[in-house]
Amino acid sequence: MGATNLRGEEVVDRPIYPWDLAASIYEQMGIDPNGTLPTPDGKSAFFSPLADNSIKVESGGLLREIMA
């Protein structure tokens, strides 16, 4: 798991972001976190910003260490 500084103010090892948690939950539910959903206008909506290759988001990755 990650670590913070002595006062717990700054992440110093393995930062985790909200989309990392959401993608981990999706995967546990059997949903591909890199998948897309069709929209009524024929475009695609991403389950997670991690799936959208047109944008760059920071990520700590899926939380494999807490998955059973």
Protein backbone atom coordinates (compact mmCIF):
# COMPACT_ATOMS: atom_id res chain seq x y z
CA MET A 1 0.00 0.00 0.00
CA GLY A 2 0.95 3.64 -0.24
CA ALA A 3 2.57 5.85 2.34
CA THR A 4 2.43 9.46 3.49
CA ASN A 5 4.86 11.77 5.20
CA LEU A 6 5.04 11.67 9.00
CA ARG A 7 2.17 14.14 9.41
CA GLY A 8 -0.03 12.42 6.82
CA GLU A 9 -0.11 15.56 4.67
CA GLU A 10 1.56 14.37 1.47
CA VAL A 11 1.58 11.09 -0.42
CA VAL A 12 5.12 9.81 -0.78
CA ASP A 13 4.44 6.33 -2.22
CA ARG A 14 1.66 4.97 -4.49
CA PRO A 15 -0.88 7.78 -4.81
CA ILE A 16 -4.46 6.64 -5.35
CA TYR A 17 -7.11 8.68 -7.15
CA PRO A 18 -10.92 8.45 -7.06
CA TRP A 19 -11.03 6.93 -10.57
CA ASP A 20 -8.63 4.20 -9.43
CA LEU A 21 -11.10 3.19 -6.71
CA ALA A 22 -14.09 3.40 -9.08
CA ALA A 23 -12.31 1.31 -11.74
CA SER A 24 -11.38 -1.28 -9.11
CA ILE A 25 -15.00 -1.52 -7.99
CA TYR A 26 -16.18 -1.87 -11.60
CA GLU A 27 -13.75 -4.71 -12.18
CA GLN A 28 -14.93 -6.51 -9.05
CA MET A 29 -18.50 -6.21 -10.36
CA GLY A 30 -17.47 -7.81 -13.65
CA ILE A 31 -17.51 -4.54 -15.61
CA ASP A 32 -14.50 -3.75 -17.79
CA PRO A 33 -13.23 -0.42 -16.37
CA ASN A 34 -11.75 0.36 -19.80
CA GLY A 35 -15.07 -0.25 -21.52
CA THR A 36 -17.50 2.20 -23.05
CA LEU A 37 -21.24 2.68 -23.15
CA PRO A 38 -23.19 3.90 -26.17
CA THR A 39 -24.94 7.25 -25.85
CA PRO A 40 -28.25 8.20 -27.49
CA ASP A 41 -26.43 10.34 -30.06
CA GLY A 42 -24.23 7.42 -31.18
CA LYS A 43 -21.06 8.44 -29.34
CA SER A 44 -19.33 6.52 -26.56
CA ALA A 45 -19.15 7.35 -22.87
CA PHE A 46 -16.26 5.96 -20.85
CA PHE A 47 -16.72 4.16 -17.54
CA SER A 48 -13.56 5.82 -16.25
CA PRO A 49 -11.23 8.62 -17.35
CA LEU A 50 -8.55 5.92 -17.45
CA ALA A 51 -10.27 4.41 -20.51
CA ASP A 52 -10.19 7.66 -22.50
CA ASN A 53 -6.88 7.67 -24.38
CA SER A 54 -7.45 11.22 -25.62
CA ILE A 55 -6.76 12.65 -22.14
CA LYS A 56 -3.88 12.10 -19.74
CA VAL A 57 -4.85 11.42 -16.14
CA GLU A 58 -2.62 10.44 -13.26
CA SER A 59 -3.33 7.01 -11.89
CA GLY A 60 -2.08 4.67 -9.21
CA GLY A 61 -3.68 1.76 -11.04
CA LEU A 62 -6.26 -0.76 -9.92
CA LEU A 63 -6.20 -1.53 -6.20
CA ARG A 64 -5.15 -5.16 -6.62
CA GLU A 65 -3.88 -5.38 -3.05
CA ILE A 66 -7.41 -5.08 -1.64
CA MET A 67 -9.16 -7.24 -4.24
CA ALA A 68 -10.10 -10.78 -3.30
